[in-house]
Structures are given as structure tokens and as C-alpha cells.
């Protein structure tokens, strides 16, 4: 039986799969930051939803990236604030190595 890790490695050997995986890397990385921040805050999807006035299913769609449209900047800010964080949006030169930092917003 293949493990997830082995299946992924095997799939990525195919050039078409690798190209699509690489194309989606930024989106997956971004979504991963949201999941890590929520886990670090110890908050459930339902709790985030309640804090920003939406449904748990809407938060699940936001976190999975499976929506018909991209969330607005306002929605992303509300999500971050519900976790005690702030959203930072930066443009980074493509030749720079990405850094992933989740910053907690200072209370006060």
C-alpha cells in the first residue's frame, strides 16, 4: 500500500502533474498559513465563523481554496483579526526565496 508521501512523489514524476503542482504552490502555501495560524490560536472553524459573522462551511471553503471566487481582502482581514493576527500583504520579487511568518497582533 502506498503512503501519501510515496503517492505524491510518484505523481510528481509526471511532468503535467508537476507543472500544475508548481502552479498552485503559492495558493497552497497561503492557505497553509491560515491553517497554521488557526491551529496556533486554538480556534475551530465554527469559532472563527462566529467571530466574523459567517458560517463554518464558509470558513471551510476559504481554508480549502475551493470556491468559485477568491475571498476579498476584507474577508481575509476579518479572518486574521478573529485569530488575533493581522494580515500582511507584500509583493516579493520572484527571485527571492519566500519567507513564511505568522505574526500575532499585539493587544493594546
PDB file of N, CA and C in Angstrom:
ATOM      1  N   UNK A   1       0.848  -1.187   0.000  1.00  0.00           N
ATOM      2  CA  UNK A   1       0.000   0.000   0.000  1.00  0.00           C
ATOM      3  C   UNK A   1       0.892   1.249   0.000  1.00  0.00           C
ATOM      4  N   UNK A   2       0.550   2.189  -0.863  1.00  0.00           N
ATOM      5  CA  UNK A   2       1.310   3.431  -0.969  1.00  0.00           C
ATOM      6  C   UNK A   2       0.952   4.385   0.166  1.00  0.00           C
ATOM      7  N   UNK A   3       1.957   5.009   0.722  1.00  0.00           N
ATOM      8  CA  UNK A   3       1.710   6.073   1.695  1.00  0.00           C
ATOM      9  C   UNK A   3       1.416   7.351   0.905  1.00  0.00           C
ATOM     10  N   UNK A   4       0.890   8.351   1.586  1.00  0.00           N
ATOM     11  CA  UNK A   4       0.616   9.628   0.932  1.00  0.00           C
ATOM     12  C   UNK A   4       1.893  10.219   0.355  1.00  0.00           C
ATOM     13  N   UNK A   5       2.963  10.137   1.132  1.00  0.00           N
ATOM     14  CA  UNK A   5       4.250  10.701   0.707  1.00  0.00           C
ATOM     15  C   UNK A   5       4.754  10.024  -0.567  1.00  0.00           C
ATOM     16  N   UNK A   6       4.660   8.700  -0.620  1.00  0.00           N
ATOM     17  CA  UNK A   6       5.116   7.960  -1.798  1.00  0.00           C
ATOM     18  C   UNK A   6       4.222   8.230  -3.002  1.00  0.00           C
ATOM     19  N   UNK A   7       2.918   8.293  -2.766  1.00  0.00           N
ATOM     20  CA  UNK A   7       1.986   8.576  -3.861  1.00  0.00           C
ATOM     21  C   UNK A   7       2.246   9.963  -4.444  1.00  0.00           C
ATOM     22  N   UNK A   8       2.488  10.924  -3.566  1.00  0.00           N
ATOM     23  CA  UNK A   8       2.781  12.285  -4.023  1.00  0.00           C
ATOM     24  C   UNK A   8       4.062  12.309  -4.846  1.00  0.00           C
ATOM     25  N   UNK A   9       5.102  11.656  -4.351  1.00  0.00           N
ATOM     26  CA  UNK A   9       6.380  11.615  -5.080  1.00  0.00           C
ATOM     27  C   UNK A   9       6.201  10.957  -6.442  1.00  0.00           C
ATOM     28  N   UNK A  10       5.435   9.893  -6.473  1.00  0.00           N
ATOM     29  CA  UNK A  10       5.187   9.185  -7.729  1.00  0.00           C
ATOM     30  C   UNK A  10       4.409  10.070  -8.708  1.00  0.00           C
ATOM     31  N   UNK A  11       3.405  10.752  -8.215  1.00  0.00           N
ATOM     32  CA  UNK A  11       2.596  11.623  -9.071  1.00  0.00           C
ATOM     33  C   UNK A  11       3.436  12.777  -9.611  1.00  0.00           C
ATOM     34  N   UNK A  12       4.322  13.328  -8.781  1.00  0.00           N
ATOM     35  CA  UNK A  12       5.126  14.473  -9.192  1.00  0.00           C
ATOM     36  C   UNK A  12       6.207  14.110 -10.215  1.00  0.00           C
ATOM     37  N   UNK A  13       6.394  12.840 -10.458  1.00  0.00           N
ATOM     38  CA  UNK A  13       7.316  12.421 -11.517  1.00  0.00           C
ATOM     39  C   UNK A  13       6.734  12.703 -12.898  1.00  0.00           C
ATOM     40  N   UNK A  14       5.413  12.839 -12.966  1.00  0.00           N
ATOM     41  CA  UNK A  14       4.754  13.160 -14.243  1.00  0.00           C
ATOM     42  C   UNK A  14       4.882  14.661 -14.500  1.00  0.00           C
ATOM     43  N   UNK A  15       5.405  15.061 -15.651  1.00  0.00           N
ATOM     44  CA  UNK A  15       5.604  16.488 -15.943  1.00  0.00           C
ATOM     45  C   UNK A  15       4.320  17.316 -15.866  1.00  0.00           C
ATOM     46  N   UNK A  16       3.188  16.778 -16.315  1.00  0.00           N
ATOM     47  CA  UNK A  16       1.937  17.535 -16.282  1.00  0.00           C
ATOM     48  C   UNK A  16       1.465  17.760 -14.837  1.00  0.00           C
ATOM     49  N   UNK A  17       1.621  16.755 -13.999  1.00  0.00           N
ATOM     50  CA  UNK A  17       1.231  16.881 -12.593  1.00  0.00           C
ATOM     51  C   UNK A  17       2.166  17.857 -11.887  1.00  0.00           C
ATOM     52  N   UNK A  18       3.458  17.740 -12.146  1.00  0.00           N
ATOM     53  CA  UNK A  18       4.455  18.628 -11.533  1.00  0.00           C
ATOM     54  C   UNK A  18       4.203  20.085 -11.913  1.00  0.00           C
ATOM     55  N   UNK A  19       3.872  20.325 -13.168  1.00  0.00           N
ATOM     56  CA  UNK A  19       3.618  21.694 -13.625  1.00  0.00           C
ATOM     57  C   UNK A  19       2.402  22.290 -12.910  1.00  0.00           C
ATOM     58  N   UNK A  20       1.340  21.513 -12.767  1.00  0.00           N
ATOM     59  CA  UNK A  20       0.138  22.007 -12.083  1.00  0.00           C
ATOM     60  C   UNK A  20       0.405  22.204 -10.597  1.00  0.00           C
ATOM     61  N   UNK A  21       1.152  21.296  -9.998  1.00  0.00           N
ATOM     62  CA  UNK A  21       1.515  21.410  -8.588  1.00  0.00           C
ATOM     63  C   UNK A  21       2.315  22.693  -8.351  1.00  0.00           C
ATOM     64  N   UNK A  22       3.291  22.940  -9.208  1.00  0.00           N
ATOM     65  CA  UNK A  22       4.105  24.149  -9.086  1.00  0.00           C
ATOM     66  C   UNK A  22       3.272  25.404  -9.286  1.00  0.00           C
ATOM     67  N   UNK A  23       2.320  25.346 -10.211  1.00  0.00           N
ATOM     68  CA  UNK A  23       1.451  26.498 -10.488  1.00  0.00           C
ATOM     69  C   UNK A  23       0.610  26.863  -9.262  1.00  0.00           C
ATOM     70  N   UNK A  24       0.225  25.862  -8.502  1.00  0.00           N
ATOM     71  CA  UNK A  24      -0.640  26.092  -7.343  1.00  0.00           C
ATOM     72  C   UNK A  24       0.119  26.276  -6.032  1.00  0.00           C
ATOM     73  N   UNK A  25       1.445  26.223  -6.073  1.00  0.00           N
ATOM     74  CA  UNK A  25       2.249  26.288  -4.849  1.00  0.00           C
ATOM     75  C   UNK A  25       1.961  27.539  -4.019  1.00  0.00           C
ATOM     76  N   UNK A  26       1.886  28.695  -4.643  1.00  0.00           N
ATOM     77  CA  UNK A  26       1.656  29.935  -3.890  1.00  0.00           C
ATOM     78  C   UNK A  26       0.321  29.891  -3.172  1.00  0.00           C
ATOM     79  N   UNK A  27      -0.713  29.415  -3.866  1.00  0.00           N
ATOM     80  CA  UNK A  27      -2.037  29.339  -3.251  1.00  0.00           C
ATOM     81  C   UNK A  27      -2.032  28.365  -2.074  1.00  0.00           C
ATOM     82  N   UNK A  28      -1.445  27.191  -2.261  1.00  0.00           N
ATOM     83  CA  UNK A  28      -1.388  26.206  -1.181  1.00  0.00           C
ATOM     84  C   UNK A  28      -0.593  26.736   0.007  1.00  0.00           C
ATOM     85  N   UNK A  29       0.487  27.426  -0.270  1.00  0.00           N
ATOM     86  CA  UNK A  29       1.314  27.984   0.786  1.00  0.00           C
ATOM     87  C   UNK A  29       0.530  29.019   1.584  1.00  0.00           C
ATOM     88  N   UNK A  30      -0.221  29.847   0.882  1.00  0.00           N
ATOM     89  CA  UNK A  30      -1.030  30.877   1.518  1.00  0.00           C
ATOM     90  C   UNK A  30      -2.098  30.240   2.407  1.00  0.00           C
ATOM     91  N   UNK A  31      -2.794  29.241   1.875  1.00  0.00           N
ATOM     92  CA  UNK A  31      -3.835  28.565   2.643  1.00  0.00           C
ATOM     93  C   UNK A  31      -3.241  27.856   3.859  1.00  0.00           C
ATOM     94  N   UNK A  32      -2.058  27.305   3.693  1.00  0.00           N
ATOM     95  CA  UNK A  32      -1.379  26.622   4.803  1.00  0.00           C
ATOM     96  C   UNK A  32      -1.095  27.600   5.943  1.00  0.00           C
ATOM     97  N   UNK A  33      -0.758  28.837   5.614  1.00  0.00           N
ATOM     98  CA  UNK A  33      -0.517  29.844   6.647  1.00  0.00           C
ATOM     99  C   UNK A  33      -1.778  30.096   7.467  1.00  0.00           C
ATOM    100  N   UNK A  34      -2.930  30.121   6.801  1.00  0.00           N
ATOM    101  CA  UNK A  34      -4.190  30.326   7.513  1.00  0.00           C
ATOM    102  C   UNK A  34      -4.470  29.165   8.460  1.00  0.00           C
ATOM    103  N   UNK A  35      -4.255  27.946   7.983  1.00  0.00           N
ATOM    104  CA  UNK A  35      -4.487  26.769   8.824  1.00  0.00           C
ATOM    105  C   UNK A  35      -3.544  26.743  10.022  1.00  0.00           C
ATOM    106  N   UNK A  36      -2.284  27.077   9.795  1.00  0.00           N
ATOM    107  CA  UNK A  36      -1.313  27.108  10.891  1.00  0.00           C
ATOM    108  C   UNK A  36      -1.679  28.175  11.917  1.00  0.00           C
ATOM    109  N   UNK A  37      -2.110  29.330  11.451  1.00  0.00           N
ATOM    110  CA  UNK A  37      -2.477  30.413  12.366  1.00  0.00           C
ATOM    111  C   UNK A  37      -3.693  30.027  13.205  1.00  0.00           C
ATOM    112  N   UNK A  38      -4.675  29.379  12.575  1.00  0.00           N
ATOM    113  CA  UNK A  38      -5.869  28.960  13.323  1.00  0.00           C
ATOM    114  C   UNK A  38      -5.499  27.892  14.353  1.00  0.00           C
ATOM    115  N   UNK A  39      -4.657  26.953  13.958  1.00  0.00           N
ATOM    116  CA  UNK A  39      -4.219  25.908  14.887  1.00  0.00           C
ATOM    117  C   UNK A  39      -3.445  26.525  16.059  1.00  0.00           C
ATOM    118  N   UNK A  40      -2.567  27.477  15.773  1.00  0.00           N
ATOM    119  CA  UNK A  40      -1.782  28.129  16.819  1.00  0.00           C
ATOM    120  C   UNK A  40      -2.678  28.905  17.784  1.00  0.00           C
ATOM    121  N   UNK A  41      -3.765  29.449  17.256  1.00  0.00           N
ATOM    122  CA  UNK A  41      -4.697  30.205  18.094  1.00  0.00           C
ATOM    123  C   UNK A  41      -5.632  29.278  18.871  1.00  0.00           C
ATOM    124  N   UNK A  42      -5.665  27.991  18.487  1.00  0.00           N
ATOM    125  CA  UNK A  42      -6.530  27.041  19.173  1.00  0.00           C
ATOM    126  C   UNK A  42      -8.002  27.315  18.954  1.00  0.00           C
ATOM    127  N   UNK A  43      -8.331  27.734  17.734  1.00  0.00           N
ATOM    128  CA  UNK A  43      -9.693  28.143  17.406  1.00  0.00           C
ATOM    129  C   UNK A  43     -10.256  27.207  16.335  1.00  0.00           C
ATOM    130  N   UNK A  44     -11.517  26.835  16.477  1.00  0.00           N
ATOM    131  CA  UNK A  44     -12.160  25.989  15.479  1.00  0.00           C
ATOM    132  C   UNK A  44     -12.717  26.834  14.337  1.00  0.00           C
ATOM    133  N   UNK A  45     -13.049  26.173  13.240  1.00  0.00           N
ATOM    134  CA  UNK A  45     -13.686  26.883  12.130  1.00  0.00           C
ATOM    135  C   UNK A  45     -14.989  27.529  12.588  1.00  0.00           C
ATOM    136  N   UNK A  46     -15.737  26.832  13.411  1.00  0.00           N
ATOM    137  CA  UNK A  46     -17.012  27.374  13.908  1.00  0.00           C
ATOM    138  C   UNK A  46     -16.789  28.636  14.736  1.00  0.00           C
ATOM    139  N   UNK A  47     -15.733  28.643  15.545  1.00  0.00           N
ATOM    140  CA  UNK A  47     -15.439  29.822  16.361  1.00  0.00           C
ATOM    141  C   UNK A  47     -15.010  31.000  15.489  1.00  0.00           C
ATOM    142  N   UNK A  48     -14.194  30.747  14.475  1.00  0.00           N
ATOM    143  CA  UNK A  48     -13.812  31.821  13.546  1.00  0.00           C
ATOM    144  C   UNK A  48     -15.065  32.367  12.877  1.00  0.00           C
ATOM    145  N   UNK A  49     -15.917  31.470  12.414  1.00  0.00           N
ATOM    146  CA  UNK A  49     -17.149  31.884  11.731  1.00  0.00           C
ATOM    147  C   UNK A  49     -18.008  32.775  12.617  1.00  0.00           C
ATOM    148  N   UNK A  50     -18.163  32.380  13.876  1.00  0.00           N
ATOM    149  CA  UNK A  50     -18.966  33.172  14.804  1.00  0.00           C
ATOM    150  C   UNK A  50     -18.355  34.554  15.014  1.00  0.00           C
ATOM    151  N   UNK A  51     -17.031  34.606  15.136  1.00  0.00           N
ATOM    152  CA  UNK A  51     -16.351  35.879  15.383  1.00  0.00           C
ATOM    153  C   UNK A  51     -16.476  36.856  14.214  1.00  0.00           C
ATOM    154  N   UNK A  52     -16.567  36.330  12.995  1.00  0.00           N
ATOM    155  CA  UNK A  52     -16.632  37.249  11.851  1.00  0.00           C
ATOM    156  C   UNK A  52     -18.015  37.300  11.207  1.00  0.00           C
ATOM    157  N   UNK A  53     -18.970  36.592  11.783  1.00  0.00           N
ATOM    158  CA  UNK A  53     -20.349  36.678  11.313  1.00  0.00           C
ATOM    159  C   UNK A  53     -20.626  35.913  10.032  1.00  0.00           C
ATOM    160  N   UNK A  54     -20.105  34.700   9.953  1.00  0.00           N
ATOM    161  CA  UNK A  54     -20.377  33.861   8.783  1.00  0.00           C
ATOM    162  C   UNK A  54     -20.622  32.443   9.264  1.00  0.00           C
ATOM    163  N   UNK A  55     -20.626  31.493   8.357  1.00  0.00           N
ATOM    164  CA  UNK A  55     -20.884  30.105   8.708  1.00  0.00           C
ATOM    165  C   UNK A  55     -19.594  29.288   8.725  1.00  0.00           C
ATOM    166  N   UNK A  56     -19.631  28.177   9.430  1.00  0.00           N
ATOM    167  CA  UNK A  56     -18.482  27.274   9.472  1.00  0.00           C
ATOM    168  C   UNK A  56     -18.165  26.766   8.077  1.00  0.00           C
ATOM    169  N   UNK A  57     -19.190  26.502   7.264  1.00  0.00           N
ATOM    170  CA  UNK A  57     -18.943  25.993   5.914  1.00  0.00           C
ATOM    171  C   UNK A  57     -18.237  27.039   5.041  1.00  0.00           C
ATOM    172  N   UNK A  58     -18.524  28.317   5.279  1.00  0.00           N
ATOM    173  CA  UNK A  58     -17.830  29.382   4.531  1.00  0.00           C
ATOM    174  C   UNK A  58     -16.356  29.420   4.906  1.00  0.00           C
ATOM    175  N   UNK A  59     -16.065  29.201   6.188  1.00  0.00           N
ATOM    176  CA  UNK A  59     -14.661  29.157   6.634  1.00  0.00           C
ATOM    177  C   UNK A  59     -13.973  27.939   6.040  1.00  0.00           C
ATOM    178  N   UNK A  60     -14.658  26.805   5.999  1.00  0.00           N
ATOM    179  CA  UNK A  60     -14.084  25.591   5.405  1.00  0.00           C
ATOM    180  C   UNK A  60     -13.750  25.821   3.930  1.00  0.00           C
ATOM    181  N   UNK A  61     -14.634  26.498   3.207  1.00  0.00           N
ATOM    182  CA  UNK A  61     -14.372  26.789   1.790  1.00  0.00           C
ATOM    183  C   UNK A  61     -13.184  27.733   1.645  1.00  0.00           C
ATOM    184  N   UNK A  62     -13.106  28.745   2.512  1.00  0.00           N
ATOM    185  CA  UNK A  62     -11.982  29.688   2.463  1.00  0.00           C
ATOM    186  C   UNK A  62     -10.669  28.948   2.699  1.00  0.00           C
ATOM    187  N   UNK A  63     -10.643  28.072   3.707  1.00  0.00           N
ATOM    188  CA  UNK A  63      -9.419  27.362   4.058  1.00  0.00           C
ATOM    189  C   UNK A  63      -9.020  26.312   3.030  1.00  0.00           C
ATOM    190  N   UNK A  64      -9.976  25.807   2.284  1.00  0.00           N
ATOM    191  CA  UNK A  64      -9.659  24.775   1.291  1.00  0.00           C
ATOM    192  C   UNK A  64      -9.333  25.369  -0.064  1.00  0.00           C
ATOM    193  N   UNK A  65      -9.686  26.624  -0.259  1.00  0.00           N
ATOM    194  CA  UNK A  65      -9.457  27.254  -1.550  1.00  0.00           C
ATOM    195  C   UNK A  65     -10.434  26.786  -2.613  1.00  0.00           C
ATOM    196  N   UNK A  66     -11.484  26.109  -2.184  1.00  0.00           N
ATOM    197  CA  UNK A  66     -12.434  25.562  -3.155  1.00  0.00           C
ATOM    198  C   UNK A  66     -13.658  26.457  -3.257  1.00  0.00           C
ATOM    199  N   UNK A  67     -13.472  27.595  -3.840  1.00  0.00           N
ATOM    200  CA  UNK A  67     -14.584  28.500  -4.051  1.00  0.00           C
ATOM    201  C   UNK A  67     -14.633  28.929  -5.489  1.00  0.00           C
ATOM    202  N   UNK A  68     -15.754  29.511  -5.860  1.00  0.00           N
ATOM    203  CA  UNK A  68     -15.883  29.980  -7.241  1.00  0.00           C
ATOM    204  C   UNK A  68     -15.170  31.305  -7.434  1.00  0.00           C
ATOM    205  N   UNK A  69     -14.821  31.950  -6.340  1.00  0.00           N
ATOM    206  CA  UNK A  69     -14.095  33.217  -6.428  1.00  0.00           C
ATOM    207  C   UNK A  69     -13.113  33.309  -5.267  1.00  0.00           C
ATOM    208  N   UNK A  70     -12.195  34.198  -5.387  1.00  0.00           N
ATOM    209  CA  UNK A  70     -11.224  34.417  -4.327  1.00  0.00           C
ATOM    210  C   UNK A  70     -11.842  35.300  -3.249  1.00  0.00           C
ATOM    211  N   UNK A  71     -11.494  35.067  -1.984  1.00  0.00           N
ATOM    212  CA  UNK A  71     -12.031  35.906  -0.922  1.00  0.00           C
ATOM    213  C   UNK A  71     -11.510  37.334  -1.044  1.00  0.00           C
ATOM    214  N   UNK A  72     -12.305  38.265  -0.581  1.00  0.00           N
ATOM    215  CA  UNK A  72     -11.900  39.670  -0.620  1.00  0.00           C
ATOM    216  C   UNK A  72     -10.832  39.933   0.435  1.00  0.00           C
ATOM    217  N   UNK A  73     -10.116  41.010   0.255  1.00  0.00           N
ATOM    218  CA  UNK A  73      -9.126  41.435   1.233  1.00  0.00           C
ATOM    219  C   UNK A  73      -9.796  41.664   2.590  1.00  0.00           C
ATOM    220  N   UNK A  74     -10.990  42.225   2.573  1.00  0.00           N
ATOM    221  CA  UNK A  74     -11.737  42.469   3.807  1.00  0.00           C
ATOM    222  C   UNK A  74     -12.029  41.158   4.538  1.00  0.00           C
ATOM    223  N   UNK A  75     -12.412  40.131   3.817  1.00  0.00           N
ATOM    224  CA  UNK A  75     -12.694  38.833   4.430  1.00  0.00           C
ATOM    225  C   UNK A  75     -11.431  38.240   5.034  1.00  0.00           C
ATOM    226  N   UNK A  76     -10.324  38.343   4.317  1.00  0.00           N
ATOM    227  CA  UNK A  76      -9.056  37.823   4.832  1.00  0.00           C
ATOM    228  C   UNK A  76      -8.623  38.575   6.086  1.00  0.00           C
ATOM    229  N   UNK A  77      -8.857  39.880   6.116  1.00  0.00           N
ATOM    230  CA  UNK A  77      -8.524  40.670   7.303  1.00  0.00           C
ATOM    231  C   UNK A  77      -9.396  40.261   8.490  1.00  0.00           C
ATOM    232  N   UNK A  78     -10.684  40.052   8.245  1.00  0.00           N
ATOM    233  CA  UNK A  78     -11.579  39.623   9.320  1.00  0.00           C
ATOM    234  C   UNK A  78     -11.132  38.275   9.883  1.00  0.00           C
ATOM    235  N   UNK A  79     -10.767  37.374   8.995  1.00  0.00           N
ATOM    236  CA  UNK A  79     -10.291  36.055   9.417  1.00  0.00           C
ATOM    237  C   UNK A  79      -9.052  36.218  10.306  1.00  0.00           C
ATOM    238  N   UNK A  80      -8.089  36.995   9.836  1.00  0.00           N
ATOM    239  CA  UNK A  80      -6.863  37.214  10.607  1.00  0.00           C
ATOM    240  C   UNK A  80      -7.176  37.826  11.963  1.00  0.00           C
ATOM    241  N   UNK A  81      -8.024  38.829  12.001  1.00  0.00           N
ATOM    242  CA  UNK A  81      -8.368  39.500  13.258  1.00  0.00           C
ATOM    243  C   UNK A  81      -9.068  38.542  14.220  1.00  0.00           C
ATOM    244  N   UNK A  82      -9.881  37.632  13.683  1.00  0.00           N
ATOM    245  CA  UNK A  82     -10.568  36.649  14.528  1.00  0.00           C
ATOM    246  C   UNK A  82      -9.580  35.730  15.231  1.00  0.00           C
ATOM    247  N   UNK A  83      -8.381  35.626  14.684  1.00  0.00           N
ATOM    248  CA  UNK A  83      -7.333  34.789  15.276  1.00  0.00           C
ATOM    249  C   UNK A  83      -6.346  35.600  16.114  1.00  0.00           C
ATOM    250  N   UNK A  84      -6.600  36.899  16.239  1.00  0.00           N
ATOM    251  CA  UNK A  84      -5.670  37.751  16.975  1.00  0.00           C
ATOM    252  C   UNK A  84      -4.434  38.085  16.163  1.00  0.00           C
ATOM    253  N   UNK A  85      -4.565  38.028  14.847  1.00  0.00           N
ATOM    254  CA  UNK A  85      -3.447  38.325  13.943  1.00  0.00           C
ATOM    255  C   UNK A  85      -3.799  39.527  13.079  1.00  0.00           C
ATOM    256  N   UNK A  86      -2.833  39.968  12.326  1.00  0.00           N
ATOM    257  CA  UNK A  86      -3.099  40.975  11.305  1.00  0.00           C
ATOM    258  C   UNK A  86      -2.623  40.397   9.972  1.00  0.00           C
ATOM    259  N   UNK A  87      -3.237  40.832   8.925  1.00  0.00           N
ATOM    260  CA  UNK A  87      -2.897  40.358   7.593  1.00  0.00           C
ATOM    261  C   UNK A  87      -1.843  41.280   7.006  1.00  0.00           C
ATOM    262  N   UNK A  88      -0.775  40.697   6.484  1.00  0.00           N
ATOM    263  CA  UNK A  88       0.256  41.471   5.808  1.00  0.00           C
ATOM    264  C   UNK A  88       0.307  41.010   4.359  1.00  0.00           C
ATOM    265  N   UNK A  89       0.166  41.931   3.455  1.00  0.00           N
ATOM    266  CA  UNK A  89       0.224  41.628   2.028  1.00  0.00           C
ATOM    267  C   UNK A  89       1.456  42.325   1.476  1.00  0.00           C
ATOM    268  N   UNK A  90       2.348  41.542   0.849  1.00  0.00           N
ATOM    269  CA  UNK A  90       3.579  42.119   0.306  1.00  0.00           C
ATOM    270  C   UNK A  90       3.815  41.573  -1.088  1.00  0.00           C
ATOM    271  N   UNK A  91       4.466  42.361  -1.894  1.00  0.00           N
ATOM    272  CA  UNK A  91       4.945  41.897  -3.180  1.00  0.00           C
ATOM    273  C   UNK A  91       6.411  41.552  -3.018  1.00  0.00           C
ATOM    274  N   UNK A  92       6.771  40.359  -3.464  1.00  0.00           N
ATOM    275  CA  UNK A  92       8.133  39.870  -3.303  1.00  0.00           C
ATOM    276  C   UNK A  92       8.667  39.497  -4.674  1.00  0.00           C
ATOM    277  N   UNK A  93       9.872  39.921  -4.966  1.00  0.00           N
ATOM    278  CA  UNK A  93      10.499  39.587  -6.234  1.00  0.00           C
ATOM    279  C   UNK A  93      10.524  38.077  -6.406  1.00  0.00           C
ATOM    280  N   UNK A  94      10.178  37.592  -7.582  1.00  0.00           N
ATOM    281  CA  UNK A  94      10.109  36.154  -7.836  1.00  0.00           C
ATOM    282  C   UNK A  94      11.426  35.439  -7.594  1.00  0.00           C
ATOM    283  N   UNK A  95      12.533  36.153  -7.695  1.00  0.00           N
ATOM    284  CA  UNK A  95      13.834  35.514  -7.484  1.00  0.00           C
ATOM    285  C   UNK A  95      14.186  35.397  -6.009  1.00  0.00           C
ATOM    286  N   UNK A  96      13.429  36.056  -5.131  1.00  0.00           N
ATOM    287  CA  UNK A  96      13.676  35.968  -3.688  1.00  0.00           C
ATOM    288  C   UNK A  96      13.061  34.690  -3.144  1.00  0.00           C
ATOM    289  N   UNK A  97      13.724  34.102  -2.171  1.00  0.00           N
ATOM    290  CA  UNK A  97      13.190  32.910  -1.518  1.00  0.00           C
ATOM    291  C   UNK A  97      12.082  33.368  -0.579  1.00  0.00           C
ATOM    292  N   UNK A  98      10.889  32.738  -0.636  1.00  0.00           N
ATOM    293  CA  UNK A  98       9.784  33.172   0.218  1.00  0.00           C
ATOM    294  C   UNK A  98      10.048  32.883   1.680  1.00  0.00           C
ATOM    295  N   UNK A  99       9.585  33.799   2.526  1.00  0.00           N
ATOM    296  CA  UNK A  99       9.652  33.581   3.961  1.00  0.00           C
ATOM    297  C   UNK A  99       8.231  33.527   4.475  1.00  0.00           C
ATOM    298  N   UNK A 100       7.996  32.600   5.365  1.00  0.00           N
ATOM    299  CA  UNK A 100       6.640  32.440   5.902  1.00  0.00           C
ATOM    300  C   UNK A 100       6.678  32.809   7.364  1.00  0.00           C
ATOM    301  N   UNK A 101       5.975  33.867   7.706  1.00  0.00           N
ATOM    302  CA  UNK A 101       5.947  34.326   9.086  1.00  0.00           C
ATOM    303  C   UNK A 101       4.506  34.613   9.457  1.00  0.00           C
ATOM    304  N   UNK A 102       4.061  34.056  10.563  1.00  0.00           N
ATOM    305  CA  UNK A 102       2.748  34.367  11.093  1.00  0.00           C
ATOM    306  C   UNK A 102       2.980  35.219  12.324  1.00  0.00           C
ATOM    307  N   UNK A 103       2.507  36.454  12.272  1.00  0.00           N
ATOM    308  CA  UNK A 103       2.734  37.372  13.384  1.00  0.00           C
ATOM    309  C   UNK A 103       1.442  37.546  14.171  1.00  0.00           C
ATOM    310  N   UNK A 104       1.559  37.491  15.464  1.00  0.00           N
ATOM    311  CA  UNK A 104       0.423  37.769  16.333  1.00  0.00           C
ATOM    312  C   UNK A 104       0.313  39.286  16.498  1.00  0.00           C
ATOM    313  N   UNK A 105      -0.895  39.772  16.494  1.00  0.00           N
ATOM    314  CA  UNK A 105      -1.107  41.200  16.687  1.00  0.00           C
ATOM    315  C   UNK A 105      -1.018  41.488  18.181  1.00  0.00           C
ATOM    316  N   UNK A 106      -0.294  42.529  18.515  1.00  0.00           N
ATOM    317  CA  UNK A 106      -0.148  42.912  19.909  1.00  0.00           C
ATOM    318  C   UNK A 106      -1.472  43.458  20.423  1.00  0.00           C
ATOM    319  N   UNK A 107      -1.842  43.079  21.625  1.00  0.00           N
ATOM    320  CA  UNK A 107      -3.058  43.613  22.236  1.00  0.00           C
ATOM    321  C   UNK A 107      -2.739  44.968  22.841  1.00  0.00           C
ATOM    322  N   UNK A 108      -3.644  45.870  22.584  1.00  0.00           N
ATOM    323  CA  UNK A 108      -3.383  47.151  23.214  1.00  0.00           C
ATOM    324  C   UNK A 108      -3.631  48.229  22.343  1.00  0.00           C
TER     325      UNK A 108
END
